[in-house]
Amino acid sequence: MKKATLSAVVAYLTETGYSDTAIMDELNAELRRGEAAKAERKSAYDEAKAAVLEVLAMTTAPLTAAEIYDECADKLPEGFTKGKVSYGLTRLWGDAIVKVEGVKGVNCYRRA
């Protein structure tokens, strides 16, 4: 069942005064499933962003995602890969990162 559908069911049952607390608790738990993992991932990406921005602050030259990862690998959260750094650079940290296309044949990044 999609989350939107489940939310609608819970809202409807709440509005109509449905009183079986065990079922409502189970439905609400299902709605909140995954929130802890999502918060943990967000925290890891926030920590990684700080390490990446620290590396980019040390130079004005654009760096590739691999170069950035190599420079800050020891400061990244446990299990944070080069691919996750690349994902952060391209999709999450656009407010603090500027993409420089074509330098060194691949995309590079510098601090905004």
C-alpha atoms as a PDB file:
ATOM      1  CA  MET A   1       0.000   0.000   0.000  1.00  0.00           C
ATOM      2  CA  LYS A   2       1.319   3.421  -0.877  1.00  0.00           C
ATOM      3  CA  LYS A   3       2.067   5.859   1.898  1.00  0.00           C
ATOM      4  CA  ALA A   4      -0.460   8.390   0.563  1.00  0.00           C
ATOM      5  CA  THR A   5      -3.193   5.755   0.615  1.00  0.00           C
ATOM      6  CA  LEU A   6      -2.287   4.683   4.124  1.00  0.00           C
ATOM      7  CA  SER A   7      -2.286   8.322   5.262  1.00  0.00           C
ATOM      8  CA  ALA A   8      -5.765   8.780   3.800  1.00  0.00           C
ATOM      9  CA  VAL A   9      -7.031   5.657   5.580  1.00  0.00           C
ATOM     10  CA  VAL A  10      -5.598   6.799   8.916  1.00  0.00           C
ATOM     11  CA  ALA A  11      -7.061  10.286   8.441  1.00  0.00           C
ATOM     12  CA  TYR A  12     -10.472   8.842   7.601  1.00  0.00           C
ATOM     13  CA  LEU A  13     -10.466   6.492  10.576  1.00  0.00           C
ATOM     14  CA  THR A  14      -9.391   9.309  12.881  1.00  0.00           C
ATOM     15  CA  GLU A  15     -12.119  11.641  11.587  1.00  0.00           C
ATOM     16  CA  THR A  16     -14.822   8.999  11.996  1.00  0.00           C
ATOM     17  CA  GLY A  17     -13.761   8.255  15.568  1.00  0.00           C
ATOM     18  CA  TYR A  18     -12.511   4.715  15.009  1.00  0.00           C
ATOM     19  CA  SER A  19     -11.636   3.432  18.469  1.00  0.00           C
ATOM     20  CA  ASP A  20      -9.515   0.283  18.083  1.00  0.00           C
ATOM     21  CA  THR A  21      -6.233   1.658  19.417  1.00  0.00           C
ATOM     22  CA  ALA A  22      -4.217  -1.460  18.574  1.00  0.00           C
ATOM     23  CA  ILE A  23      -5.052  -1.155  14.878  1.00  0.00           C
ATOM     24  CA  MET A  24      -4.536   2.617  14.854  1.00  0.00           C
ATOM     25  CA  ASP A  25      -1.158   2.178  16.580  1.00  0.00           C
ATOM     26  CA  GLU A  26      -0.154  -0.399  13.973  1.00  0.00           C
ATOM     27  CA  LEU A  27      -1.240   1.866  11.100  1.00  0.00           C
ATOM     28  CA  ASN A  28       0.624   4.835  12.577  1.00  0.00           C
ATOM     29  CA  ALA A  29       3.731   2.706  13.132  1.00  0.00           C
ATOM     30  CA  GLU A  30       3.590   1.676   9.475  1.00  0.00           C
ATOM     31  CA  LEU A  31       3.375   5.346   8.463  1.00  0.00           C
ATOM     32  CA  ARG A  32       6.460   6.179  10.544  1.00  0.00           C
ATOM     33  CA  ARG A  33       8.430   3.144   9.313  1.00  0.00           C
ATOM     34  CA  GLY A  34      11.754   4.191   7.882  1.00  0.00           C
ATOM     35  CA  GLU A  35      11.873   7.610   9.535  1.00  0.00           C
ATOM     36  CA  ALA A  36      14.776   6.627  11.788  1.00  0.00           C
ATOM     37  CA  ALA A  37      16.823   5.351   8.853  1.00  0.00           C
ATOM     38  CA  LYS A  38      15.992   8.478   6.876  1.00  0.00           C
ATOM     39  CA  ALA A  39      17.132  10.702   9.748  1.00  0.00           C
ATOM     40  CA  GLU A  40      20.340   8.673  10.063  1.00  0.00           C
ATOM     41  CA  ARG A  41      21.098   9.072   6.340  1.00  0.00           C
ATOM     42  CA  LYS A  42      20.421  12.814   6.520  1.00  0.00           C
ATOM     43  CA  SER A  43      22.790  13.125   9.461  1.00  0.00           C
ATOM     44  CA  ALA A  44      25.513  11.226   7.577  1.00  0.00           C
ATOM     45  CA  TYR A  45      25.118  13.437   4.499  1.00  0.00           C
ATOM     46  CA  ASP A  46      25.212  16.578   6.681  1.00  0.00           C
ATOM     47  CA  GLU A  47      28.442  15.391   8.289  1.00  0.00           C
ATOM     48  CA  ALA A  48      29.905  14.545   4.881  1.00  0.00           C
ATOM     49  CA  LYS A  49      28.913  17.953   3.500  1.00  0.00           C
ATOM     50  CA  ALA A  50      30.973  19.651   6.191  1.00  0.00           C
ATOM     51  CA  ALA A  51      34.022  17.525   5.316  1.00  0.00           C
ATOM     52  CA  VAL A  52      33.591  18.152   1.571  1.00  0.00           C
ATOM     53  CA  LEU A  53      33.197  21.905   2.034  1.00  0.00           C
ATOM     54  CA  GLU A  54      36.318  21.922   4.196  1.00  0.00           C
ATOM     55  CA  VAL A  55      38.285  20.313   1.356  1.00  0.00           C
ATOM     56  CA  LEU A  56      36.866  22.720  -1.225  1.00  0.00           C
ATOM     57  CA  ALA A  57      37.694  25.699   0.984  1.00  0.00           C
ATOM     58  CA  MET A  58      41.396  24.822   0.787  1.00  0.00           C
ATOM     59  CA  THR A  59      41.611  25.409  -2.975  1.00  0.00           C
ATOM     60  CA  THR A  60      40.131  27.584  -5.676  1.00  0.00           C
ATOM     61  CA  ALA A  61      40.761  24.963  -8.366  1.00  0.00           C
ATOM     62  CA  PRO A  62      37.823  22.738  -9.252  1.00  0.00           C
ATOM     63  CA  LEU A  63      38.164  19.119  -8.105  1.00  0.00           C
ATOM     64  CA  THR A  64      36.553  15.931  -9.336  1.00  0.00           C
ATOM     65  CA  ALA A  65      34.335  13.904  -7.021  1.00  0.00           C
ATOM     66  CA  ALA A  66      37.103  11.289  -6.773  1.00  0.00           C
ATOM     67  CA  GLU A  67      39.675  13.911  -5.774  1.00  0.00           C
ATOM     68  CA  ILE A  68      37.329  15.361  -3.182  1.00  0.00           C
ATOM     69  CA  TYR A  69      36.656  11.888  -1.783  1.00  0.00           C
ATOM     70  CA  ASP A  70      40.370  11.070  -1.610  1.00  0.00           C
ATOM     71  CA  GLU A  71      41.056  14.283   0.321  1.00  0.00           C
ATOM     72  CA  CYS A  72      38.326  13.822   2.925  1.00  0.00           C
ATOM     73  CA  ALA A  73      37.834  10.038   3.143  1.00  0.00           C
ATOM     74  CA  ASP A  74      39.163   9.918   6.714  1.00  0.00           C
ATOM     75  CA  LYS A  75      36.677  12.610   7.835  1.00  0.00           C
ATOM     76  CA  LEU A  76      33.594  11.010   6.277  1.00  0.00           C
ATOM     77  CA  PRO A  77      31.069   8.953   8.257  1.00  0.00           C
ATOM     78  CA  GLU A  78      31.587   5.199   8.481  1.00  0.00           C
ATOM     79  CA  GLY A  79      30.702   3.493   5.202  1.00  0.00           C
ATOM     80  CA  PHE A  80      30.477   6.724   3.201  1.00  0.00           C
ATOM     81  CA  THR A  81      31.621   5.878  -0.318  1.00  0.00           C
ATOM     82  CA  LYS A  82      32.854   7.843  -3.302  1.00  0.00           C
ATOM     83  CA  GLY A  83      29.457   7.272  -4.906  1.00  0.00           C
ATOM     84  CA  LYS A  84      27.702   8.867  -1.944  1.00  0.00           C
ATOM     85  CA  VAL A  85      29.998  11.890  -2.186  1.00  0.00           C
ATOM     86  CA  SER A  86      29.158  12.153  -5.869  1.00  0.00           C
ATOM     87  CA  TYR A  87      25.427  11.882  -5.078  1.00  0.00           C
ATOM     88  CA  GLY A  88      25.743  14.644  -2.480  1.00  0.00           C
ATOM     89  CA  LEU A  89      27.636  16.880  -4.882  1.00  0.00           C
ATOM     90  CA  THR A  90      25.155  16.438  -7.726  1.00  0.00           C
ATOM     91  CA  ARG A  91      21.833  16.278  -5.879  1.00  0.00           C
ATOM     92  CA  LEU A  92      22.001  17.553  -2.312  1.00  0.00           C
ATOM     93  CA  TRP A  93      24.584  20.278  -1.862  1.00  0.00           C
ATOM     94  CA  GLY A  94      23.832  22.503  -4.855  1.00  0.00           C
ATOM     95  CA  ASP A  95      23.454  25.528  -2.603  1.00  0.00           C
ATOM     96  CA  ALA A  96      27.111  25.344  -1.509  1.00  0.00           C
ATOM     97  CA  ILE A  97      28.730  23.712  -4.551  1.00  0.00           C
ATOM     98  CA  VAL A  98      29.252  24.959  -8.098  1.00  0.00           C
ATOM     99  CA  LYS A  99      29.526  22.369 -10.864  1.00  0.00           C
ATOM    100  CA  VAL A 100      32.239  23.085 -13.437  1.00  0.00           C
ATOM    101  CA  GLU A 101      31.587  21.037 -16.561  1.00  0.00           C
ATOM    102  CA  GLY A 102      34.291  19.565 -18.752  1.00  0.00           C
ATOM    103  CA  VAL A 103      37.410  20.361 -16.740  1.00  0.00           C
ATOM    104  CA  LYS A 104      39.808  17.385 -16.918  1.00  0.00           C
ATOM    105  CA  GLY A 105      37.263  15.604 -19.147  1.00  0.00           C
ATOM    106  CA  VAL A 106      34.805  15.083 -16.267  1.00  0.00           C
ATOM    107  CA  ASN A 107      32.654  17.278 -14.095  1.00  0.00           C
ATOM    108  CA  CYS A 108      34.436  19.101 -11.320  1.00  0.00           C
ATOM    109  CA  TYR A 109      33.172  21.000  -8.323  1.00  0.00           C
ATOM    110  CA  ARG A 110      34.210  24.055  -6.368  1.00  0.00           C
ATOM    111  CA  ARG A 111      32.767  25.932  -3.473  1.00  0.00           C
ATOM    112  CA  ALA A 112      30.039  28.449  -4.286  1.00  0.00           C
END
